[in-house]
Every structure is written in C-alpha cells, then in structure tokens.
Amino acid sequence: MERTGTRGIAAPLREPVPVLRAYEAGVAAVCELAAAFDDLTWGRQTPCPEWRAAELAGHLRCVADDFHEYLDDAPVSRYARLMAAGVHPDTLARKLARQNAAELAALLEAPPAEHIAAFAATARSYAGRLSAVWDLPHHQYRDTVVTVGGMAGAACAEWHLHAWDLARALGSDYRPADPAAVLAGWCAGMPHRPVPATSLGARAVRHHDPWHSVLAASGRLRTGRADRAIRSARAVWPSRRRHARRD
C-alpha cells in the first residue's frame, strides 16, 4: 500500500488495542451465538430481510474474505474504487447488496457451522495483519480518508451487528460489552453512513447509548421489529454478562 495525499481523515482510531479487543469480542459473539442454532433454527429469518440465519453465516464467511482482499489491494481495491466515486449512501448500499448477493450465490454449499468456522479463522487472520499498517490509507469517500484502522473499526461493528442479527433470529437480544468502542469503530470506518441526526438514532446519542446509535446508523432501528428489540425487557444474550465480569 502507498500513502496518498488527503484532505481529511475520518475520526482516526489512533490506538489499535481497544478496537482489536472489541473486534475479537465480536468474532467470539458470532461463534457463541451460532453454536446455539440447530437444523431448524438455522432456517429462521434474521432482521436482514434478505437473509435467513444460514444465509447470514455464509455472508459472514464471504465478507471476512473480502476484508482480506480489500487490504491486499488498498488503497486501490474494488471497494476503494466504489467508495472513490462518492455516490449517495443509498446507491452504495444497493451496489454492496448486489455484490453480497452474488458472492453468497457463488459460495460453495456447506453447513452453516462450517461457514461460521471459516469466518472465525479468516476474521482472526485479518486482525493479525492490521497493527503494522494501522495508519495507512485504506480508501477514500468524498473528502474523507479511511485508514486501515478505520476499516478495522467498520469490521468490528459489522461482527457485532451480525451477532445482534443472530440473537434476534433466536428470539433473544445482544449487546456488546464495549459499545463505545463499537460506535467509535463505526464512525471511523463508515463516514458514508453517519449516526442519524433525527429519530431513534438521535435520541440514542442524547441518552448516551452508543449501541443504539450503531443500530440506528446501520438501519436496524427502521423496522418495528428492531424498535421493539431495543425497548423490550427481554434478557440480553448471556455472553454480555460474562464479558462484563472480565472487564
């Protein structure tokens, strides 16, 4: 990767350790939740309308592979070229959704648990590559440069969000042990999808709930199902309590 001239850096994550700790916690949460599925529950719908739980497992495997590819080719990867166009976030979302669907369709058929195991190995391998190149540019969106560290933050948020998706498919809820680190990762790596200035997302910011802010920024508070999830009194997935005792 080569350094490039820039006009702005997106809220850079100067210190890798908190982000990478939260990143690993997200991978672990996905694995722990996936272990609770069986042949029947893998067929349940997730909050992502296009994916059932089994398909989400395949998507996780694909996107972990993609992160390696983007880092290999940074700052001129296919992802960087897409972001460099500076198109509206809704257009980006549609393009990425088509890419995700194509990759999932091309994925070799395998049990969901096998996809999760491959995801975990690939995601952890990716984390091991990051510290040495943390401050290098990964891609640029409009006037904002996202560093490798920023993209690690985006990946961290993605793992925790998909852990939430899996928990919802099980009829439970999920909340990361360090939601502030997840929000910082989202803000550093996703400048094209900022925390909403209105609605539930803004209330989450005002009430200092970083996890609800990430859910809002990702679009997961737009549906009645997600809204009920954050306001319900249901138990949060037990891994949160175990993680909290270790902190």
Protein backbone atom coordinates (compact mmCIF):
# COMPACT_ATOMS: atom_id res chain seq x y z
CA MET A 1 0.00 0.00 0.00
CA GLU A 2 1.15 3.53 -0.70
CA ARG A 3 0.33 6.65 1.23
CA THR A 4 -1.77 9.12 -0.72
CA GLY A 5 -2.43 12.82 -0.41
CA THR A 6 -5.52 13.52 1.68
CA ARG A 7 -7.72 16.38 2.78
CA GLY A 8 -9.27 14.73 5.81
CA ILE A 9 -9.02 11.66 8.00
CA ALA A 10 -12.23 10.15 9.39
CA ALA A 11 -12.01 10.24 13.20
CA PRO A 12 -8.84 8.10 13.12
CA LEU A 13 -8.51 5.29 15.62
CA ARG A 14 -5.00 6.01 16.86
CA GLU A 15 -4.75 3.08 19.26
CA PRO A 16 -5.32 -0.42 17.87
CA VAL A 17 -5.77 -2.26 21.16
CA PRO A 18 -9.32 -1.22 22.20
CA VAL A 19 -10.64 -1.67 18.68
CA LEU A 20 -8.98 -5.04 18.19
CA ARG A 21 -10.24 -6.20 21.57
CA ALA A 22 -13.78 -5.26 20.58
CA TYR A 23 -13.19 -6.82 17.15
CA GLU A 24 -12.22 -10.16 18.72
CA ALA A 25 -15.21 -9.94 21.06
CA GLY A 26 -17.46 -9.55 18.00
CA VAL A 27 -15.99 -12.65 16.36
CA ALA A 28 -16.39 -14.59 19.61
CA ALA A 29 -20.00 -13.44 19.98
CA VAL A 30 -20.87 -14.61 16.47
CA CYS A 31 -19.34 -18.02 17.21
CA GLU A 32 -21.10 -18.33 20.56
CA LEU A 33 -24.47 -17.42 19.12
CA ALA A 34 -24.00 -19.68 16.10
CA ALA A 35 -23.36 -22.62 18.44
CA ALA A 36 -26.91 -22.21 19.78
CA PHE A 37 -28.51 -22.91 16.36
CA ASP A 38 -29.71 -26.29 15.15
CA ASP A 39 -31.03 -27.58 11.85
CA LEU A 40 -34.41 -25.97 12.50
CA THR A 41 -33.33 -22.59 13.84
CA TRP A 42 -30.78 -22.04 11.07
CA GLY A 43 -33.83 -21.58 8.85
CA ARG A 44 -35.19 -18.67 10.86
CA GLN A 45 -35.44 -15.15 9.44
CA THR A 46 -32.96 -12.54 10.66
CA PRO A 47 -33.59 -8.77 10.87
CA CYS A 48 -31.85 -8.58 7.48
CA PRO A 49 -34.87 -9.23 5.26
CA GLU A 50 -32.81 -10.89 2.52
CA TRP A 51 -31.17 -13.47 4.80
CA ARG A 52 -32.18 -16.32 7.00
CA ALA A 53 -29.69 -17.31 9.67
CA ALA A 54 -28.00 -19.94 7.48
CA GLU A 55 -27.51 -17.38 4.71
CA LEU A 56 -26.11 -14.89 7.20
CA ALA A 57 -23.50 -17.48 8.15
CA GLY A 58 -22.44 -17.68 4.52
CA HIS A 59 -22.40 -13.90 4.22
CA LEU A 60 -20.08 -13.63 7.22
CA ARG A 61 -17.66 -16.02 5.56
CA CYS A 62 -17.75 -14.02 2.33
CA VAL A 63 -17.27 -10.62 3.92
CA ALA A 64 -14.32 -11.80 6.03
CA ASP A 65 -12.66 -12.93 2.80
CA ASP A 66 -13.49 -9.57 1.24
CA PHE A 67 -11.71 -7.67 4.01
CA HIS A 68 -8.50 -9.55 3.22
CA GLU A 69 -8.87 -8.73 -0.47
CA TYR A 70 -9.51 -5.04 0.23
CA LEU A 71 -6.42 -4.85 2.43
CA ASP A 72 -4.29 -6.68 -0.15
CA ASP A 73 -5.25 -4.14 -2.82
CA ALA A 74 -5.55 -0.96 -0.70
CA PRO A 75 -5.80 1.86 -1.48
CA VAL A 76 -6.95 0.86 -4.98
CA SER A 77 -9.16 -2.15 -4.20
CA ARG A 78 -12.54 -2.65 -5.85
CA TYR A 79 -14.07 -1.39 -2.60
CA ALA A 80 -11.84 1.71 -2.73
CA ARG A 81 -12.85 2.33 -6.34
CA LEU A 82 -16.52 2.08 -5.40
CA MET A 83 -16.09 4.50 -2.49
CA ALA A 84 -13.99 6.90 -4.56
CA ALA A 85 -16.99 7.53 -6.81
CA GLY A 86 -18.55 9.43 -3.89
CA VAL A 87 -22.07 8.38 -4.77
CA HIS A 88 -25.04 8.72 -2.42
CA PRO A 89 -25.04 6.24 0.50
CA ASP A 90 -28.26 4.64 -0.76
CA THR A 91 -26.58 3.93 -4.08
CA LEU A 92 -23.59 2.44 -2.28
CA ALA A 93 -25.91 0.26 -0.21
CA ARG A 94 -27.61 -1.08 -3.34
CA LYS A 95 -24.29 -1.82 -5.05
CA LEU A 96 -22.90 -3.58 -1.99
CA ALA A 97 -26.12 -5.55 -1.58
CA ARG A 98 -25.81 -6.82 -5.16
CA GLN A 99 -22.16 -7.73 -4.51
CA ASN A 100 -23.11 -9.56 -1.32
CA ALA A 101 -25.87 -11.48 -3.08
CA ALA A 102 -23.55 -12.51 -5.92
CA GLU A 103 -20.84 -13.69 -3.55
CA LEU A 104 -23.31 -15.66 -1.47
CA ALA A 105 -24.75 -17.30 -4.61
CA ALA A 106 -21.23 -18.31 -5.68
CA LEU A 107 -20.29 -19.73 -2.27
CA LEU A 108 -19.89 -23.49 -2.20
CA GLU A 109 -22.72 -25.17 -0.34
CA ALA A 110 -21.76 -26.18 3.19
CA PRO A 111 -23.39 -26.46 6.62
CA PRO A 112 -23.80 -23.08 8.36
CA ALA A 113 -21.49 -24.20 11.17
CA GLU A 114 -18.74 -24.77 8.61
CA HIS A 115 -19.23 -21.25 7.25
CA ILE A 116 -19.00 -19.83 10.78
CA ALA A 117 -15.78 -21.73 11.48
CA ALA A 118 -14.27 -20.43 8.25
CA PHE A 119 -15.45 -16.92 9.07
CA ALA A 120 -13.81 -17.02 12.51
CA ALA A 121 -10.48 -18.25 11.16
CA THR A 122 -10.44 -15.67 8.36
CA ALA A 123 -11.57 -12.78 10.56
CA ARG A 124 -8.91 -13.53 13.18
CA SER A 125 -6.26 -13.83 10.48
CA TYR A 126 -7.30 -10.40 9.20
CA ALA A 127 -6.94 -8.88 12.65
CA GLY A 128 -3.40 -10.21 12.85
CA ARG A 129 -2.41 -8.20 9.77
CA LEU A 130 -3.59 -4.81 10.94
CA SER A 131 -1.24 -3.34 13.54
CA ALA A 132 1.74 -2.95 11.19
CA VAL A 133 -0.29 -0.93 8.66
CA TRP A 134 -2.82 0.69 11.01
CA ASP A 135 -2.36 4.30 9.88
CA LEU A 136 -2.10 3.69 6.14
CA PRO A 137 -4.96 4.79 3.87
CA HIS A 138 -7.47 2.10 3.02
CA HIS A 139 -9.95 4.04 0.87
CA GLN A 140 -11.48 7.47 0.47
CA TYR A 141 -15.12 8.58 0.45
CA ARG A 142 -15.54 12.08 -0.92
CA ASP A 143 -13.14 14.26 1.12
CA THR A 144 -12.66 11.72 3.90
CA VAL A 145 -9.84 9.18 4.01
CA VAL A 146 -10.47 5.98 5.95
CA THR A 147 -7.32 4.35 7.29
CA VAL A 148 -6.70 0.65 7.73
CA GLY A 149 -7.52 1.20 11.41
CA GLY A 150 -10.78 2.84 10.44
CA MET A 151 -11.71 -0.11 8.26
CA ALA A 152 -10.91 -2.40 11.19
CA GLY A 153 -13.42 -0.38 13.17
CA ALA A 154 -16.02 -0.91 10.44
CA ALA A 155 -15.33 -4.66 10.51
CA CYS A 156 -15.63 -4.67 14.30
CA ALA A 157 -19.05 -3.03 14.05
CA GLU A 158 -20.11 -5.47 11.34
CA TRP A 159 -19.36 -8.51 13.50
CA HIS A 160 -21.30 -7.12 16.46
CA LEU A 161 -24.25 -6.11 14.28
CA HIS A 162 -24.45 -9.59 12.79
CA ALA A 163 -24.21 -11.06 16.29
CA TRP A 164 -27.30 -8.97 17.07
CA ASP A 165 -28.97 -10.33 13.93
CA LEU A 166 -28.27 -13.91 15.02
CA ALA A 167 -29.54 -13.23 18.53
CA ARG A 168 -32.77 -11.77 17.16
CA ALA A 169 -33.25 -14.88 15.00
CA LEU A 170 -33.07 -16.88 18.24
CA GLY A 171 -35.67 -14.63 19.86
CA SER A 172 -33.12 -13.00 22.13
CA ASP A 173 -31.18 -9.75 22.17
CA TYR A 174 -27.49 -8.90 22.06
CA ARG A 175 -25.40 -6.01 23.27
CA PRO A 176 -21.59 -5.75 23.05
CA ALA A 177 -19.56 -5.49 26.23
CA ASP A 178 -17.89 -2.29 24.96
CA PRO A 179 -20.50 -0.48 22.86
CA ALA A 180 -18.48 2.76 22.88
CA ALA A 181 -15.60 1.02 21.08
CA VAL A 182 -18.04 -0.39 18.52
CA LEU A 183 -19.53 3.06 17.91
CA ALA A 184 -16.05 4.58 17.55
CA GLY A 185 -15.23 1.88 15.01
CA TRP A 186 -18.40 2.59 13.04
CA CYS A 187 -17.73 6.34 12.96
CA ALA A 188 -14.12 5.84 11.85
CA GLY A 189 -14.86 3.30 9.15
CA MET A 190 -18.28 4.30 7.82
CA PRO A 191 -18.26 8.04 7.03
CA HIS A 192 -20.86 7.44 4.33
CA ARG A 193 -23.32 6.18 6.97
CA PRO A 194 -23.18 8.59 9.92
CA VAL A 195 -25.26 8.25 13.05
CA PRO A 196 -28.71 9.69 12.21
CA ALA A 197 -29.41 13.25 13.29
CA THR A 198 -33.10 12.53 13.84
CA SER A 199 -35.42 9.85 15.18
CA LEU A 200 -34.33 6.98 17.42
CA GLY A 201 -30.69 7.39 16.45
CA ALA A 202 -30.55 10.96 17.70
CA ARG A 203 -32.30 10.01 20.94
CA ALA A 204 -29.75 7.27 21.44
CA VAL A 205 -26.95 9.84 21.14
CA ARG A 206 -28.66 12.25 23.53
CA HIS A 207 -29.14 9.47 26.06
CA HIS A 208 -25.56 8.26 25.66
CA ASP A 209 -26.40 4.82 24.34
CA PRO A 210 -23.66 4.08 21.80
CA TRP A 211 -25.02 0.65 20.86
CA HIS A 212 -28.42 2.03 19.91
CA SER A 213 -26.58 4.64 17.85
CA VAL A 214 -24.82 1.90 15.89
CA LEU A 215 -28.10 0.06 15.39
CA ALA A 216 -29.65 3.28 14.11
CA ALA A 217 -26.75 4.10 11.78
CA SER A 218 -26.88 0.59 10.30
CA GLY A 219 -30.60 0.95 9.58
CA ARG A 220 -31.69 -1.63 12.14
CA LEU A 221 -33.96 0.78 14.01
CA ARG A 222 -36.12 1.45 10.95
CA THR A 223 -38.30 -1.61 11.42
CA GLY A 224 -40.83 -2.29 14.12
CA ARG A 225 -39.01 -5.49 14.99
CA ALA A 226 -35.75 -3.67 15.72
CA ASP A 227 -37.55 -0.89 17.58
CA ARG A 228 -39.23 -3.42 19.85
CA ALA A 229 -35.91 -5.17 20.37
CA ILE A 230 -34.16 -2.21 21.94
CA ARG A 231 -37.14 -1.17 24.06
CA SER A 232 -38.12 -4.60 25.33
CA ALA A 233 -37.17 -6.03 28.71
CA ARG A 234 -36.01 -9.34 27.28
CA ALA A 235 -32.77 -10.84 28.58
CA VAL A 236 -29.64 -9.89 26.71
CA TRP A 237 -27.56 -12.77 25.35
CA PRO A 238 -25.58 -14.21 28.29
CA SER A 239 -22.16 -13.55 26.73
CA ARG A 240 -22.62 -9.90 27.63
CA ARG A 241 -22.68 -10.72 31.32
CA ARG A 242 -19.63 -12.96 31.09
CA HIS A 243 -17.68 -10.34 29.17
CA ALA A 244 -18.69 -7.68 31.64
CA ARG A 245 -17.23 -9.68 34.52
CA ARG A 246 -13.88 -9.90 32.74
CA ASP A 247 -13.64 -6.14 32.14
